[in-house]
Every structure is written in C-alpha cells, then in structure tokens.
Amino acid sequence: MPKKSVRQMFRKYPDVVTIPQVCEMLGVSRNYAYLLVKQGKLIRLDLGRIVRVTKSSVIELKEKSLQKSENSPV
C-alpha cells in the first residue's frame, strides 16, 4: 500500500489523536496502544494526565507495519 493511501485512510483524524482513536486507526486494544506509547513507537504528548499521540507517528508505524508484511514470505 503506497504511503499516500495510508495518509488518505487517516485524513479524517486530527493531527493529535487520543488513545481510543489510535486503537481505531491501528485496530489494536487499548492496552496495546499504551504499550506502543511506552515503547516509544508512538510520539506521546502529555497534557496533564491526558495522553495524546501525534497522527504522524501513527501513520509512520502503520507504514512500517505494511512494509514488513509486504516483504515477509507467505
């Protein structure tokens, strides 16, 4: 899937997204989304006790994931 397609998929989301939005975008659980943040795979923005993630980091992670799946043998 071309990079432009991933960006098109997520165009309706704001530049900074919530954890529930990350879950929706990546199709992962809430716990896994927090794990991705903790591992530094998603860029975290702290607003007090509220955690937000940059949409660009979600797009980058999705592109890397798709690239790996395209390159892996079936």
Protein backbone atom coordinates (compact mmCIF):
# COMPACT_ATOMS: atom_id res chain seq x y z
CA MET A 1 0.00 0.00 0.00
CA PRO A 2 1.54 3.34 -1.01
CA LYS A 3 2.27 5.96 1.64
CA LYS A 4 -0.34 8.24 0.14
CA SER A 5 -3.00 5.59 0.76
CA VAL A 6 -2.18 5.36 4.47
CA ARG A 7 -2.37 9.15 4.78
CA GLN A 8 -5.70 9.09 2.93
CA MET A 9 -7.04 6.44 5.32
CA PHE A 10 -6.35 8.70 8.30
CA ARG A 11 -7.22 12.11 6.80
CA LYS A 12 -10.39 12.46 8.93
CA TYR A 13 -8.37 12.34 12.16
CA PRO A 14 -6.87 15.45 13.79
CA ASP A 15 -3.08 15.98 13.94
CA VAL A 16 -3.10 14.90 17.60
CA VAL A 17 -5.22 11.85 18.48
CA THR A 18 -6.50 10.15 21.62
CA ILE A 19 -5.71 6.59 22.66
CA PRO A 20 -9.19 5.38 21.59
CA GLN A 21 -8.56 6.94 18.17
CA VAL A 22 -5.17 5.18 17.98
CA CYS A 23 -6.96 1.90 18.73
CA GLU A 24 -9.42 2.58 15.92
CA MET A 25 -6.70 3.62 13.46
CA LEU A 26 -4.44 0.63 14.10
CA GLY A 27 -7.05 -1.97 15.05
CA VAL A 28 -5.39 -2.68 18.40
CA SER A 29 -6.53 -2.87 22.01
CA ARG A 30 -6.23 -0.01 24.48
CA ASN A 31 -3.52 -1.86 26.42
CA TYR A 32 -1.50 -2.47 23.26
CA ALA A 33 -1.83 1.19 22.25
CA TYR A 34 -0.40 2.23 25.63
CA LEU A 35 2.39 -0.34 25.19
CA LEU A 36 3.30 1.21 21.81
CA VAL A 37 3.49 4.61 23.53
CA LYS A 38 5.60 3.19 26.38
CA GLN A 39 7.99 1.53 23.89
CA GLY A 40 8.42 4.86 22.11
CA LYS A 41 6.90 3.61 18.86
CA LEU A 42 4.31 6.40 19.02
CA ILE A 43 5.12 10.01 19.91
CA ARG A 44 3.39 10.95 23.14
CA LEU A 45 2.14 14.40 24.06
CA ASP A 46 1.24 14.85 27.72
CA LEU A 47 -1.47 17.33 28.55
CA GLY A 48 -1.61 16.97 32.31
CA ARG A 49 -2.96 13.49 32.91
CA ILE A 50 -4.27 13.23 29.35
CA VAL A 51 -2.19 11.30 26.82
CA ARG A 52 -2.32 12.25 23.17
CA VAL A 53 -0.35 10.84 20.23
CA THR A 54 0.74 12.54 17.02
CA LYS A 55 -1.10 11.33 13.94
CA SER A 56 2.18 11.40 12.02
CA SER A 57 3.69 8.79 14.37
CA VAL A 58 0.63 6.55 13.90
CA ILE A 59 0.96 6.88 10.11
CA GLU A 60 4.68 6.08 10.28
CA LEU A 61 4.06 2.97 12.41
CA LYS A 62 1.29 1.79 10.05
CA GLU A 63 3.54 2.30 7.00
CA LYS A 64 6.37 0.32 8.64
CA SER A 65 3.94 -2.45 9.55
CA LEU A 66 2.59 -2.65 6.00
CA GLN A 67 6.11 -2.61 4.57
CA LYS A 68 7.12 -5.55 6.80
CA SER A 69 4.04 -7.55 5.80
CA GLU A 70 4.73 -6.94 2.10
CA ASN A 71 8.34 -8.09 2.45
CA SER A 72 7.69 -11.20 4.54
CA PRO A 73 7.41 -14.55 2.76
CA VAL A 74 3.99 -16.19 2.68
